[in-house]
């Protein structure tokens, strides 16, 4: 069970994110980005709390620009909420922890109700 964010390269993106059985929050970030550093500890907490239920994937856009370009990421941090290989929600910019958790809860509700319909 993964209890911390996974650092994902462009090469591993498809397997780690798009083919994941669990929902994924993809955090496009860069080391020089102040707001990215504000969001990082929140995502660390979420990764630990939701271990086994979701994956937090971090993509350093300086080192791995390919998927950020494919998804049209223009500002960082940008978080993509991905389920079954599809982007369910896109969050651009840093958010306070409470607001980020609200979006996360809504995302997981949507994913759970969609998977219930498919079973």
PDB file of N, CA and C in Angstrom:
ATOM      1  N   UNK A   1       0.847  -1.189   0.000  1.00  0.00           N
ATOM      2  CA  UNK A   1       0.000   0.000   0.000  1.00  0.00           C
ATOM      3  C   UNK A   1       0.887   1.244   0.000  1.00  0.00           C
ATOM      4  N   UNK A   2       0.593   2.151  -0.909  1.00  0.00           N
ATOM      5  CA  UNK A   2       1.421   3.350  -1.068  1.00  0.00           C
ATOM      6  C   UNK A   2       0.889   4.438  -0.132  1.00  0.00           C
ATOM      7  N   UNK A   3       1.752   4.909   0.790  1.00  0.00           N
ATOM      8  CA  UNK A   3       1.316   5.889   1.786  1.00  0.00           C
ATOM      9  C   UNK A   3       1.925   7.262   1.576  1.00  0.00           C
ATOM     10  N   UNK A   4       2.582   7.453   0.440  1.00  0.00           N
ATOM     11  CA  UNK A   4       3.174   8.758   0.155  1.00  0.00           C
ATOM     12  C   UNK A   4       3.048   9.030  -1.339  1.00  0.00           C
ATOM     13  N   UNK A   5       3.189  10.289  -1.727  1.00  0.00           N
ATOM     14  CA  UNK A   5       3.091  10.594  -3.154  1.00  0.00           C
ATOM     15  C   UNK A   5       4.149   9.840  -3.960  1.00  0.00           C
ATOM     16  N   UNK A   6       3.752   9.454  -5.179  1.00  0.00           N
ATOM     17  CA  UNK A   6       4.638   8.738  -6.091  1.00  0.00           C
ATOM     18  C   UNK A   6       5.158   9.748  -7.106  1.00  0.00           C
ATOM     19  N   UNK A   7       6.465   9.805  -7.279  1.00  0.00           N
ATOM     20  CA  UNK A   7       7.029  10.706  -8.285  1.00  0.00           C
ATOM     21  C   UNK A   7       7.013   9.986  -9.626  1.00  0.00           C
ATOM     22  N   UNK A   8       6.331  10.588 -10.585  1.00  0.00           N
ATOM     23  CA  UNK A   8       6.070   9.933 -11.861  1.00  0.00           C
ATOM     24  C   UNK A   8       6.806  10.650 -12.984  1.00  0.00           C
ATOM     25  N   UNK A   9       7.493   9.858 -13.810  1.00  0.00           N
ATOM     26  CA  UNK A   9       8.158  10.400 -14.991  1.00  0.00           C
ATOM     27  C   UNK A   9       7.195  10.335 -16.169  1.00  0.00           C
ATOM     28  N   UNK A  10       7.535  11.021 -17.238  1.00  0.00           N
ATOM     29  CA  UNK A  10       6.723  10.941 -18.456  1.00  0.00           C
ATOM     30  C   UNK A  10       6.591   9.495 -18.914  1.00  0.00           C
ATOM     31  N   UNK A  11       7.681   8.736 -18.815  1.00  0.00           N
ATOM     32  CA  UNK A  11       7.678   7.351 -19.290  1.00  0.00           C
ATOM     33  C   UNK A  11       6.724   6.472 -18.477  1.00  0.00           C
ATOM     34  N   UNK A  12       6.587   6.757 -17.186  1.00  0.00           N
ATOM     35  CA  UNK A  12       5.759   5.922 -16.307  1.00  0.00           C
ATOM     36  C   UNK A  12       4.325   6.439 -16.165  1.00  0.00           C
ATOM     37  N   UNK A  13       4.027   7.588 -16.748  1.00  0.00           N
ATOM     38  CA  UNK A  13       2.729   8.244 -16.532  1.00  0.00           C
ATOM     39  C   UNK A  13       1.557   7.354 -16.924  1.00  0.00           C
ATOM     40  N   UNK A  14       1.640   6.774 -18.101  1.00  0.00           N
ATOM     41  CA  UNK A  14       0.515   5.981 -18.602  1.00  0.00           C
ATOM     42  C   UNK A  14       0.210   4.813 -17.666  1.00  0.00           C
ATOM     43  N   UNK A  15       1.253   4.095 -17.282  1.00  0.00           N
ATOM     44  CA  UNK A  15       1.071   2.927 -16.415  1.00  0.00           C
ATOM     45  C   UNK A  15       0.603   3.357 -15.014  1.00  0.00           C
ATOM     46  N   UNK A  16       1.253   4.356 -14.429  1.00  0.00           N
ATOM     47  CA  UNK A  16       0.964   4.754 -13.055  1.00  0.00           C
ATOM     48  C   UNK A  16      -0.374   5.471 -12.922  1.00  0.00           C
ATOM     49  N   UNK A  17      -0.694   6.329 -13.882  1.00  0.00           N
ATOM     50  CA  UNK A  17      -1.885   7.171 -13.766  1.00  0.00           C
ATOM     51  C   UNK A  17      -3.057   6.629 -14.583  1.00  0.00           C
ATOM     52  N   UNK A  18      -2.859   6.492 -15.884  1.00  0.00           N
ATOM     53  CA  UNK A  18      -3.978   6.169 -16.768  1.00  0.00           C
ATOM     54  C   UNK A  18      -4.450   4.734 -16.626  1.00  0.00           C
ATOM     55  N   UNK A  19      -3.546   3.820 -16.244  1.00  0.00           N
ATOM     56  CA  UNK A  19      -3.935   2.413 -16.105  1.00  0.00           C
ATOM     57  C   UNK A  19      -4.158   2.012 -14.647  1.00  0.00           C
ATOM     58  N   UNK A  20      -4.163   2.988 -13.741  1.00  0.00           N
ATOM     59  CA  UNK A  20      -4.341   2.693 -12.320  1.00  0.00           C
ATOM     60  C   UNK A  20      -5.749   2.175 -12.032  1.00  0.00           C
ATOM     61  N   UNK A  21      -5.836   1.174 -11.161  1.00  0.00           N
ATOM     62  CA  UNK A  21      -7.139   0.691 -10.709  1.00  0.00           C
ATOM     63  C   UNK A  21      -7.737   1.624  -9.677  1.00  0.00           C
ATOM     64  N   UNK A  22      -6.877   2.406  -9.010  1.00  0.00           N
ATOM     65  CA  UNK A  22      -7.327   3.363  -8.005  1.00  0.00           C
ATOM     66  C   UNK A  22      -7.437   4.752  -8.635  1.00  0.00           C
ATOM     67  N   UNK A  23      -8.316   5.600  -8.083  1.00  0.00           N
ATOM     68  CA  UNK A  23      -8.328   7.001  -8.538  1.00  0.00           C
ATOM     69  C   UNK A  23      -6.967   7.651  -8.246  1.00  0.00           C
ATOM     70  N   UNK A  24      -6.611   8.639  -9.052  1.00  0.00           N
ATOM     71  CA  UNK A  24      -5.298   9.285  -8.924  1.00  0.00           C
ATOM     72  C   UNK A  24      -5.460  10.808  -8.906  1.00  0.00           C
ATOM     73  N   UNK A  25      -4.738  11.445  -7.988  1.00  0.00           N
ATOM     74  CA  UNK A  25      -4.579  12.903  -8.068  1.00  0.00           C
ATOM     75  C   UNK A  25      -3.188  13.123  -8.639  1.00  0.00           C
ATOM     76  N   UNK A  26      -3.123  13.776  -9.794  1.00  0.00           N
ATOM     77  CA  UNK A  26      -1.827  14.077 -10.411  1.00  0.00           C
ATOM     78  C   UNK A  26      -1.505  15.533 -10.117  1.00  0.00           C
ATOM     79  N   UNK A  27      -0.394  15.750  -9.447  1.00  0.00           N
ATOM     80  CA  UNK A  27       0.052  17.099  -9.103  1.00  0.00           C
ATOM     81  C   UNK A  27       1.189  17.479 -10.035  1.00  0.00           C
ATOM     82  N   UNK A  28       0.897  18.392 -10.973  1.00  0.00           N
ATOM     83  CA  UNK A  28       1.957  18.931 -11.837  1.00  0.00           C
ATOM     84  C   UNK A  28       2.585  20.090 -11.073  1.00  0.00           C
ATOM     85  N   UNK A  29       3.891  20.013 -10.821  1.00  0.00           N
ATOM     86  CA  UNK A  29       4.569  20.975  -9.963  1.00  0.00           C
ATOM     87  C   UNK A  29       5.994  21.203 -10.459  1.00  0.00           C
ATOM     88  N   UNK A  30       6.676  22.141  -9.817  1.00  0.00           N
ATOM     89  CA  UNK A  30       8.107  22.358 -10.071  1.00  0.00           C
ATOM     90  C   UNK A  30       8.754  22.829  -8.772  1.00  0.00           C
ATOM     91  N   UNK A  31      10.042  22.529  -8.595  1.00  0.00           N
ATOM     92  CA  UNK A  31      10.731  22.855  -7.342  1.00  0.00           C
ATOM     93  C   UNK A  31      10.763  24.353  -7.026  1.00  0.00           C
ATOM     94  N   UNK A  32      10.745  25.194  -8.045  1.00  0.00           N
ATOM     95  CA  UNK A  32      10.854  26.641  -7.834  1.00  0.00           C
ATOM     96  C   UNK A  32       9.500  27.296  -7.550  1.00  0.00           C
ATOM     97  N   UNK A  33       8.428  26.531  -7.593  1.00  0.00           N
ATOM     98  CA  UNK A  33       7.070  27.072  -7.501  1.00  0.00           C
ATOM     99  C   UNK A  33       6.613  27.162  -6.046  1.00  0.00           C
ATOM    100  N   UNK A  34       6.444  28.381  -5.542  1.00  0.00           N
ATOM    101  CA  UNK A  34       6.020  28.600  -4.154  1.00  0.00           C
ATOM    102  C   UNK A  34       4.680  27.959  -3.811  1.00  0.00           C
ATOM    103  N   UNK A  35       3.619  28.233  -4.603  1.00  0.00           N
ATOM    104  CA  UNK A  35       2.326  27.608  -4.311  1.00  0.00           C
ATOM    105  C   UNK A  35       2.386  26.081  -4.341  1.00  0.00           C
ATOM    106  N   UNK A  36       3.257  25.521  -5.185  1.00  0.00           N
ATOM    107  CA  UNK A  36       3.422  24.053  -5.229  1.00  0.00           C
ATOM    108  C   UNK A  36       3.932  23.552  -3.881  1.00  0.00           C
ATOM    109  N   UNK A  37       4.865  24.318  -3.297  1.00  0.00           N
ATOM    110  CA  UNK A  37       5.424  23.921  -2.002  1.00  0.00           C
ATOM    111  C   UNK A  37       4.380  24.036  -0.895  1.00  0.00           C
ATOM    112  N   UNK A  38       3.403  24.944  -1.065  1.00  0.00           N
ATOM    113  CA  UNK A  38       2.331  25.069  -0.073  1.00  0.00           C
ATOM    114  C   UNK A  38       1.391  23.860  -0.131  1.00  0.00           C
ATOM    115  N   UNK A  39       1.142  23.348  -1.312  1.00  0.00           N
ATOM    116  CA  UNK A  39       0.209  22.231  -1.502  1.00  0.00           C
ATOM    117  C   UNK A  39       0.859  20.894  -1.134  1.00  0.00           C
ATOM    118  N   UNK A  40       2.173  20.789  -1.288  1.00  0.00           N
ATOM    119  CA  UNK A  40       2.873  19.505  -1.105  1.00  0.00           C
ATOM    120  C   UNK A  40       2.567  18.823   0.232  1.00  0.00           C
ATOM    121  N   UNK A  41       2.654  19.529   1.390  1.00  0.00           N
ATOM    122  CA  UNK A  41       2.392  18.823   2.650  1.00  0.00           C
ATOM    123  C   UNK A  41       0.938  18.340   2.773  1.00  0.00           C
ATOM    124  N   UNK A  42       0.015  19.048   2.152  1.00  0.00           N
ATOM    125  CA  UNK A  42      -1.393  18.632   2.165  1.00  0.00           C
ATOM    126  C   UNK A  42      -1.533  17.327   1.376  1.00  0.00           C
ATOM    127  N   UNK A  43      -0.890  17.279   0.210  1.00  0.00           N
ATOM    128  CA  UNK A  43      -0.941  16.065  -0.618  1.00  0.00           C
ATOM    129  C   UNK A  43      -0.238  14.896   0.082  1.00  0.00           C
ATOM    130  N   UNK A  44       0.828  15.190   0.833  1.00  0.00           N
ATOM    131  CA  UNK A  44       1.503  14.142   1.615  1.00  0.00           C
ATOM    132  C   UNK A  44       0.519  13.536   2.611  1.00  0.00           C
ATOM    133  N   UNK A  45      -0.238  14.405   3.307  1.00  0.00           N
ATOM    134  CA  UNK A  45      -1.223  13.941   4.298  1.00  0.00           C
ATOM    135  C   UNK A  45      -2.310  13.108   3.635  1.00  0.00           C
ATOM    136  N   UNK A  46      -2.811  13.609   2.503  1.00  0.00           N
ATOM    137  CA  UNK A  46      -3.884  12.909   1.783  1.00  0.00           C
ATOM    138  C   UNK A  46      -3.398  11.535   1.324  1.00  0.00           C
ATOM    139  N   UNK A  47      -2.162  11.468   0.822  1.00  0.00           N
ATOM    140  CA  UNK A  47      -1.605  10.186   0.364  1.00  0.00           C
ATOM    141  C   UNK A  47      -1.572   9.181   1.510  1.00  0.00           C
ATOM    142  N   UNK A  48      -1.201   9.636   2.706  1.00  0.00           N
ATOM    143  CA  UNK A  48      -1.129   8.737   3.866  1.00  0.00           C
ATOM    144  C   UNK A  48      -2.527   8.320   4.324  1.00  0.00           C
ATOM    145  N   UNK A  49      -3.445   9.291   4.398  1.00  0.00           N
ATOM    146  CA  UNK A  49      -4.800   9.014   4.902  1.00  0.00           C
ATOM    147  C   UNK A  49      -5.612   8.131   3.962  1.00  0.00           C
ATOM    148  N   UNK A  50      -5.402   8.307   2.675  1.00  0.00           N
ATOM    149  CA  UNK A  50      -6.215   7.591   1.684  1.00  0.00           C
ATOM    150  C   UNK A  50      -5.458   6.426   1.053  1.00  0.00           C
ATOM    151  N   UNK A  51      -4.395   5.979   1.706  1.00  0.00           N
ATOM    152  CA  UNK A  51      -3.602   4.859   1.180  1.00  0.00           C
ATOM    153  C   UNK A  51      -4.522   3.669   0.923  1.00  0.00           C
ATOM    154  N   UNK A  52      -4.385   3.078  -0.252  1.00  0.00           N
ATOM    155  CA  UNK A  52      -5.231   1.951  -0.618  1.00  0.00           C
ATOM    156  C   UNK A  52      -6.527   2.367  -1.298  1.00  0.00           C
ATOM    157  N   UNK A  53      -6.874   3.676  -1.200  1.00  0.00           N
ATOM    158  CA  UNK A  53      -8.106   4.178  -1.820  1.00  0.00           C
ATOM    159  C   UNK A  53      -7.809   5.068  -3.013  1.00  0.00           C
ATOM    160  N   UNK A  54      -6.632   5.719  -2.968  1.00  0.00           N
ATOM    161  CA  UNK A  54      -6.246   6.586  -4.064  1.00  0.00           C
ATOM    162  C   UNK A  54      -4.744   6.765  -4.074  1.00  0.00           C
ATOM    163  N   UNK A  55      -4.238   7.214  -5.207  1.00  0.00           N
ATOM    164  CA  UNK A  55      -2.796   7.459  -5.365  1.00  0.00           C
ATOM    165  C   UNK A  55      -2.588   8.945  -5.620  1.00  0.00           C
ATOM    166  N   UNK A  56      -1.585   9.503  -4.964  1.00  0.00           N
ATOM    167  CA  UNK A  56      -1.162  10.869  -5.272  1.00  0.00           C
ATOM    168  C   UNK A  56       0.104  10.746  -6.106  1.00  0.00           C
ATOM    169  N   UNK A  57       0.045  11.246  -7.341  1.00  0.00           N
ATOM    170  CA  UNK A  57       1.185  11.186  -8.257  1.00  0.00           C
ATOM    171  C   UNK A  57       1.701  12.599  -8.479  1.00  0.00           C
ATOM    172  N   UNK A  58       3.007  12.782  -8.369  1.00  0.00           N
ATOM    173  CA  UNK A  58       3.609  14.101  -8.565  1.00  0.00           C
ATOM    174  C   UNK A  58       4.465  14.074  -9.831  1.00  0.00           C
ATOM    175  N   UNK A  59       4.237  15.056 -10.688  1.00  0.00           N
ATOM    176  CA  UNK A  59       5.004  15.163 -11.924  1.00  0.00           C
ATOM    177  C   UNK A  59       5.753  16.488 -11.907  1.00  0.00           C
ATOM    178  N   UNK A  60       7.078  16.405 -11.859  1.00  0.00           N
ATOM    179  CA  UNK A  60       7.923  17.592 -11.910  1.00  0.00           C
ATOM    180  C   UNK A  60       7.967  18.060 -13.368  1.00  0.00           C
ATOM    181  N   UNK A  61       7.305  19.180 -13.652  1.00  0.00           N
ATOM    182  CA  UNK A  61       7.172  19.623 -15.046  1.00  0.00           C
ATOM    183  C   UNK A  61       8.487  20.110 -15.644  1.00  0.00           C
ATOM    184  N   UNK A  62       9.453  20.458 -14.803  1.00  0.00           N
ATOM    185  CA  UNK A  62      10.767  20.840 -15.335  1.00  0.00           C
ATOM    186  C   UNK A  62      11.453  19.632 -15.953  1.00  0.00           C
ATOM    187  N   UNK A  63      11.327  18.489 -15.298  1.00  0.00           N
ATOM    188  CA  UNK A  63      12.010  17.274 -15.754  1.00  0.00           C
ATOM    189  C   UNK A  63      11.135  16.432 -16.687  1.00  0.00           C
ATOM    190  N   UNK A  64       9.817  16.569 -16.564  1.00  0.00           N
ATOM    191  CA  UNK A  64       8.880  15.725 -17.313  1.00  0.00           C
ATOM    192  C   UNK A  64       7.745  16.572 -17.900  1.00  0.00           C
ATOM    193  N   UNK A  65       8.030  17.307 -18.984  1.00  0.00           N
ATOM    194  CA  UNK A  65       7.042  18.232 -19.535  1.00  0.00           C
ATOM    195  C   UNK A  65       5.998  17.601 -20.458  1.00  0.00           C
ATOM    196  N   UNK A  66       6.213  16.364 -20.892  1.00  0.00           N
ATOM    197  CA  UNK A  66       5.387  15.794 -21.961  1.00  0.00           C
ATOM    198  C   UNK A  66       3.895  15.735 -21.610  1.00  0.00           C
ATOM    199  N   UNK A  67       3.564  15.130 -20.474  1.00  0.00           N
ATOM    200  CA  UNK A  67       2.143  14.969 -20.130  1.00  0.00           C
ATOM    201  C   UNK A  67       1.509  16.294 -19.731  1.00  0.00           C
ATOM    202  N   UNK A  68       2.282  17.180 -19.125  1.00  0.00           N
ATOM    203  CA  UNK A  68       1.758  18.519 -18.798  1.00  0.00           C
ATOM    204  C   UNK A  68       1.334  19.219 -20.088  1.00  0.00           C
ATOM    205  N   UNK A  69       2.150  19.073 -21.145  1.00  0.00           N
ATOM    206  CA  UNK A  69       1.799  19.691 -22.431  1.00  0.00           C
ATOM    207  C   UNK A  69       0.570  19.014 -23.033  1.00  0.00           C
ATOM    208  N   UNK A  70       0.519  17.682 -22.955  1.00  0.00           N
ATOM    209  CA  UNK A  70      -0.629  16.956 -23.510  1.00  0.00           C
ATOM    210  C   UNK A  70      -1.944  17.383 -22.859  1.00  0.00           C
ATOM    211  N   UNK A  71      -1.875  17.660 -21.559  1.00  0.00           N
ATOM    212  CA  UNK A  71      -3.084  18.065 -20.839  1.00  0.00           C
ATOM    213  C   UNK A  71      -3.279  19.580 -20.817  1.00  0.00           C
ATOM    214  N   UNK A  72      -2.425  20.304 -21.518  1.00  0.00           N
ATOM    215  CA  UNK A  72      -2.575  21.750 -21.612  1.00  0.00           C
ATOM    216  C   UNK A  72      -2.358  22.469 -20.297  1.00  0.00           C
ATOM    217  N   UNK A  73      -1.477  21.933 -19.470  1.00  0.00           N
ATOM    218  CA  UNK A  73      -1.175  22.571 -18.186  1.00  0.00           C
ATOM    219  C   UNK A  73      -0.371  23.835 -18.456  1.00  0.00           C
ATOM    220  N   UNK A  74      -0.920  24.981 -18.051  1.00  0.00           N
ATOM    221  CA  UNK A  74      -0.238  26.251 -18.303  1.00  0.00           C
ATOM    222  C   UNK A  74       0.283  26.893 -17.031  1.00  0.00           C
ATOM    223  N   UNK A  75      -0.390  26.632 -15.917  1.00  0.00           N
ATOM    224  CA  UNK A  75       0.061  27.167 -14.635  1.00  0.00           C
ATOM    225  C   UNK A  75       0.231  26.029 -13.654  1.00  0.00           C
ATOM    226  N   UNK A  76       1.168  26.195 -12.739  1.00  0.00           N
ATOM    227  CA  UNK A  76       1.341  25.170 -11.723  1.00  0.00           C
ATOM    228  C   UNK A  76       1.199  25.810 -10.345  1.00  0.00           C
ATOM    229  N   UNK A  77       0.743  25.093  -9.349  1.00  0.00           N
ATOM    230  CA  UNK A  77       0.349  23.690  -9.454  1.00  0.00           C
ATOM    231  C   UNK A  77      -0.978  23.518 -10.209  1.00  0.00           C
ATOM    232  N   UNK A  78      -1.050  22.458 -10.987  1.00  0.00           N
ATOM    233  CA  UNK A  78      -2.319  22.000 -11.567  1.00  0.00           C
ATOM    234  C   UNK A  78      -2.491  20.565 -11.101  1.00  0.00           C
ATOM    235  N   UNK A  79      -3.653  20.282 -10.544  1.00  0.00           N
ATOM    236  CA  UNK A  79      -3.953  18.926 -10.101  1.00  0.00           C
ATOM    237  C   UNK A  79      -5.055  18.349 -10.976  1.00  0.00           C
ATOM    238  N   UNK A  80      -4.786  17.181 -11.532  1.00  0.00           N
ATOM    239  CA  UNK A  80      -5.800  16.463 -12.302  1.00  0.00           C
ATOM    240  C   UNK A  80      -6.310  15.325 -11.434  1.00  0.00           C
ATOM    241  N   UNK A  81      -7.619  15.220 -11.341  1.00  0.00           N
ATOM    242  CA  UNK A  81      -8.242  14.125 -10.610  1.00  0.00           C
ATOM    243  C   UNK A  81      -8.663  13.113 -11.668  1.00  0.00           C
ATOM    244  N   UNK A  82      -8.000  11.965 -11.693  1.00  0.00           N
ATOM    245  CA  UNK A  82      -8.151  10.988 -12.778  1.00  0.00           C
ATOM    246  C   UNK A  82      -8.745   9.692 -12.237  1.00  0.00           C
ATOM    247  N   UNK A  83      -9.760   9.188 -12.936  1.00  0.00           N
ATOM    248  CA  UNK A  83     -10.335   7.886 -12.606  1.00  0.00           C
ATOM    249  C   UNK A  83     -10.532   7.103 -13.897  1.00  0.00           C
ATOM    250  N   UNK A  84     -10.122   5.862 -13.895  1.00  0.00           N
ATOM    251  CA  UNK A  84     -10.243   4.994 -15.078  1.00  0.00           C
ATOM    252  C   UNK A  84      -9.655   5.653 -16.327  1.00  0.00           C
ATOM    253  N   UNK A  85      -8.541   6.353 -16.156  1.00  0.00           N
ATOM    254  CA  UNK A  85      -7.843   6.953 -17.285  1.00  0.00           C
ATOM    255  C   UNK A  85      -8.440   8.247 -17.799  1.00  0.00           C
ATOM    256  N   UNK A  86      -9.498   8.745 -17.140  1.00  0.00           N
ATOM    257  CA  UNK A  86     -10.152   9.981 -17.597  1.00  0.00           C
ATOM    258  C   UNK A  86     -10.035  11.070 -16.539  1.00  0.00           C
ATOM    259  N   UNK A  87      -9.833  12.299 -17.000  1.00  0.00           N
ATOM    260  CA  UNK A  87      -9.775  13.436 -16.079  1.00  0.00           C
ATOM    261  C   UNK A  87     -11.198  13.787 -15.669  1.00  0.00           C
ATOM    262  N   UNK A  88     -11.465  13.670 -14.372  1.00  0.00           N
ATOM    263  CA  UNK A  88     -12.787  13.968 -13.828  1.00  0.00           C
ATOM    264  C   UNK A  88     -12.852  15.430 -13.391  1.00  0.00           C
ATOM    265  N   UNK A  89     -11.732  15.946 -12.882  1.00  0.00           N
ATOM    266  CA  UNK A  89     -11.689  17.332 -12.407  1.00  0.00           C
ATOM    267  C   UNK A  89     -10.278  17.876 -12.579  1.00  0.00           C
ATOM    268  N   UNK A  90     -10.201  19.176 -12.841  1.00  0.00           N
ATOM    269  CA  UNK A  90      -8.909  19.864 -12.969  1.00  0.00           C
ATOM    270  C   UNK A  90      -8.914  21.032 -12.000  1.00  0.00           C
ATOM    271  N   UNK A  91      -7.896  21.095 -11.167  1.00  0.00           N
ATOM    272  CA  UNK A  91      -7.760  22.193 -10.212  1.00  0.00           C
ATOM    273  C   UNK A  91      -6.472  22.938 -10.523  1.00  0.00           C
ATOM    274  N   UNK A  92      -6.609  24.211 -10.908  1.00  0.00           N
ATOM    275  CA  UNK A  92      -5.429  25.021 -11.196  1.00  0.00           C
ATOM    276  C   UNK A  92      -5.183  25.948 -10.013  1.00  0.00           C
ATOM    277  N   UNK A  93      -3.956  25.932  -9.506  1.00  0.00           N
ATOM    278  CA  UNK A  93      -3.597  26.815  -8.400  1.00  0.00           C
ATOM    279  C   UNK A  93      -3.715  26.114  -7.058  1.00  0.00           C
ATOM    280  N   UNK A  94      -3.025  26.693  -6.067  1.00  0.00           N
ATOM    281  CA  UNK A  94      -3.028  26.130  -4.721  1.00  0.00           C
ATOM    282  C   UNK A  94      -4.347  26.451  -4.033  1.00  0.00           C
ATOM    283  N   UNK A  95      -4.784  25.530  -3.197  1.00  0.00           N
ATOM    284  CA  UNK A  95      -6.000  25.723  -2.416  1.00  0.00           C
ATOM    285  C   UNK A  95      -5.694  25.464  -0.949  1.00  0.00           C
ATOM    286  N   UNK A  96      -6.457  26.074  -0.045  1.00  0.00           N
ATOM    287  CA  UNK A  96      -6.323  25.705   1.365  1.00  0.00           C
ATOM    288  C   UNK A  96      -6.742  24.240   1.538  1.00  0.00           C
ATOM    289  N   UNK A  97      -6.242  23.619   2.581  1.00  0.00           N
ATOM    290  CA  UNK A  97      -6.479  22.188   2.794  1.00  0.00           C
ATOM    291  C   UNK A  97      -7.960  21.832   2.804  1.00  0.00           C
ATOM    292  N   UNK A  98      -8.777  22.623   3.489  1.00  0.00           N
ATOM    293  CA  UNK A  98     -10.211  22.323   3.580  1.00  0.00           C
ATOM    294  C   UNK A  98     -10.882  22.267   2.218  1.00  0.00           C
ATOM    295  N   UNK A  99     -10.570  23.221   1.366  1.00  0.00           N
ATOM    296  CA  UNK A  99     -11.176  23.265   0.026  1.00  0.00           C
ATOM    297  C   UNK A  99     -10.682  22.091  -0.825  1.00  0.00           C
ATOM    298  N   UNK A 100      -9.410  21.776  -0.707  1.00  0.00           N
ATOM    299  CA  UNK A 100      -8.858  20.660  -1.468  1.00  0.00           C
ATOM    300  C   UNK A 100      -9.511  19.350  -1.026  1.00  0.00           C
ATOM    301  N   UNK A 101      -9.737  19.213   0.267  1.00  0.00           N
ATOM    302  CA  UNK A 101     -10.392  17.999   0.782  1.00  0.00           C
ATOM    303  C   UNK A 101     -11.836  17.894   0.301  1.00  0.00           C
ATOM    304  N   UNK A 102     -12.526  19.039   0.201  1.00  0.00           N
ATOM    305  CA  UNK A 102     -13.907  19.026  -0.314  1.00  0.00           C
ATOM    306  C   UNK A 102     -13.928  18.508  -1.751  1.00  0.00           C
ATOM    307  N   UNK A 103     -13.014  19.004  -2.581  1.00  0.00           N
ATOM    308  CA  UNK A 103     -12.931  18.553  -3.975  1.00  0.00           C
ATOM    309  C   UNK A 103     -12.603  17.065  -4.010  1.00  0.00           C
ATOM    310  N   UNK A 104     -11.677  16.645  -3.154  1.00  0.00           N
ATOM    311  CA  UNK A 104     -11.288  15.241  -3.093  1.00  0.00           C
ATOM    312  C   UNK A 104     -12.489  14.360  -2.725  1.00  0.00           C
ATOM    313  N   UNK A 105     -13.256  14.781  -1.722  1.00  0.00           N
ATOM    314  CA  UNK A 105     -14.418  13.984  -1.303  1.00  0.00           C
ATOM    315  C   UNK A 105     -15.444  13.882  -2.430  1.00  0.00           C
ATOM    316  N   UNK A 106     -15.677  14.991  -3.126  1.00  0.00           N
ATOM    317  CA  UNK A 106     -16.618  14.975  -4.256  1.00  0.00           C
ATOM    318  C   UNK A 106     -16.107  14.047  -5.353  1.00  0.00           C
ATOM    319  N   UNK A 107     -14.813  14.116  -5.631  1.00  0.00           N
ATOM    320  CA  UNK A 107     -14.178  13.264  -6.645  1.00  0.00           C
ATOM    321  C   UNK A 107     -14.382  11.788  -6.295  1.00  0.00           C
ATOM    322  N   UNK A 108     -14.106  11.426  -5.043  1.00  0.00           N
ATOM    323  CA  UNK A 108     -14.237  10.026  -4.639  1.00  0.00           C
ATOM    324  C   UNK A 108     -15.695   9.565  -4.686  1.00  0.00           C
ATOM    325  N   UNK A 109     -16.628  10.461  -4.356  1.00  0.00           N
ATOM    326  CA  UNK A 109     -18.057  10.120  -4.451  1.00  0.00           C
ATOM    327  C   UNK A 109     -18.440   9.819  -5.895  1.00  0.00           C
ATOM    328  N   UNK A 110     -18.005  10.661  -6.811  1.00  0.00           N
ATOM    329  CA  UNK A 110     -18.307  10.473  -8.235  1.00  0.00           C
ATOM    330  C   UNK A 110     -17.722   9.145  -8.719  1.00  0.00           C
ATOM    331  N   UNK A 111     -16.480   8.871  -8.331  1.00  0.00           N
ATOM    332  CA  UNK A 111     -15.799   7.644  -8.754  1.00  0.00           C
ATOM    333  C   UNK A 111     -16.529   6.422  -8.196  1.00  0.00           C
ATOM    334  N   UNK A 112     -16.908   6.474  -6.916  1.00  0.00           N
ATOM    335  CA  UNK A 112     -17.581   5.337  -6.288  1.00  0.00           C
ATOM    336  C   UNK A 112     -18.950   5.101  -6.908  1.00  0.00           C
ATOM    337  N   UNK A 113     -19.702   6.169  -7.172  1.00  0.00           N
ATOM    338  CA  UNK A 113     -21.022   5.961  -7.759  1.00  0.00           C
ATOM    339  C   UNK A 113     -20.896   5.457  -9.195  1.00  0.00           C
ATOM    340  N   UNK A 114     -19.876   5.899  -9.906  1.00  0.00           N
ATOM    341  CA  UNK A 114     -19.661   5.407 -11.283  1.00  0.00           C
ATOM    342  C   UNK A 114     -19.282   3.932 -11.272  1.00  0.00           C
ATOM    343  N   UNK A 115     -18.413   3.538 -10.322  1.00  0.00           N
ATOM    344  CA  UNK A 115     -18.006   2.123 -10.292  1.00  0.00           C
ATOM    345  C   UNK A 115     -19.151   1.245  -9.804  1.00  0.00           C
ATOM    346  N   UNK A 116     -20.036   1.774  -8.954  1.00  0.00           N
ATOM    347  CA  UNK A 116     -21.202   0.995  -8.501  1.00  0.00           C
ATOM    348  C   UNK A 116     -22.138   0.711  -9.674  1.00  0.00           C
ATOM    349  N   UNK A 117     -22.285   1.701 -10.565  1.00  0.00           N
ATOM    350  CA  UNK A 117     -23.154   1.528 -11.744  1.00  0.00           C
ATOM    351  C   UNK A 117     -22.578   0.481 -12.689  1.00  0.00           C
ATOM    352  N   UNK A 118     -21.245   0.406 -12.769  1.00  0.00           N
ATOM    353  CA  UNK A 118     -20.594  -0.505 -13.703  1.00  0.00           C
ATOM    354  C   UNK A 118     -20.548  -1.948 -13.197  1.00  0.00           C
ATOM    355  N   UNK A 119     -20.801  -2.149 -11.904  1.00  0.00           N
ATOM    356  CA  UNK A 119     -20.718  -3.518 -11.348  1.00  0.00           C
ATOM    357  C   UNK A 119     -22.072  -4.195 -11.317  1.00  0.00           C
TER     358      UNK A 119
END
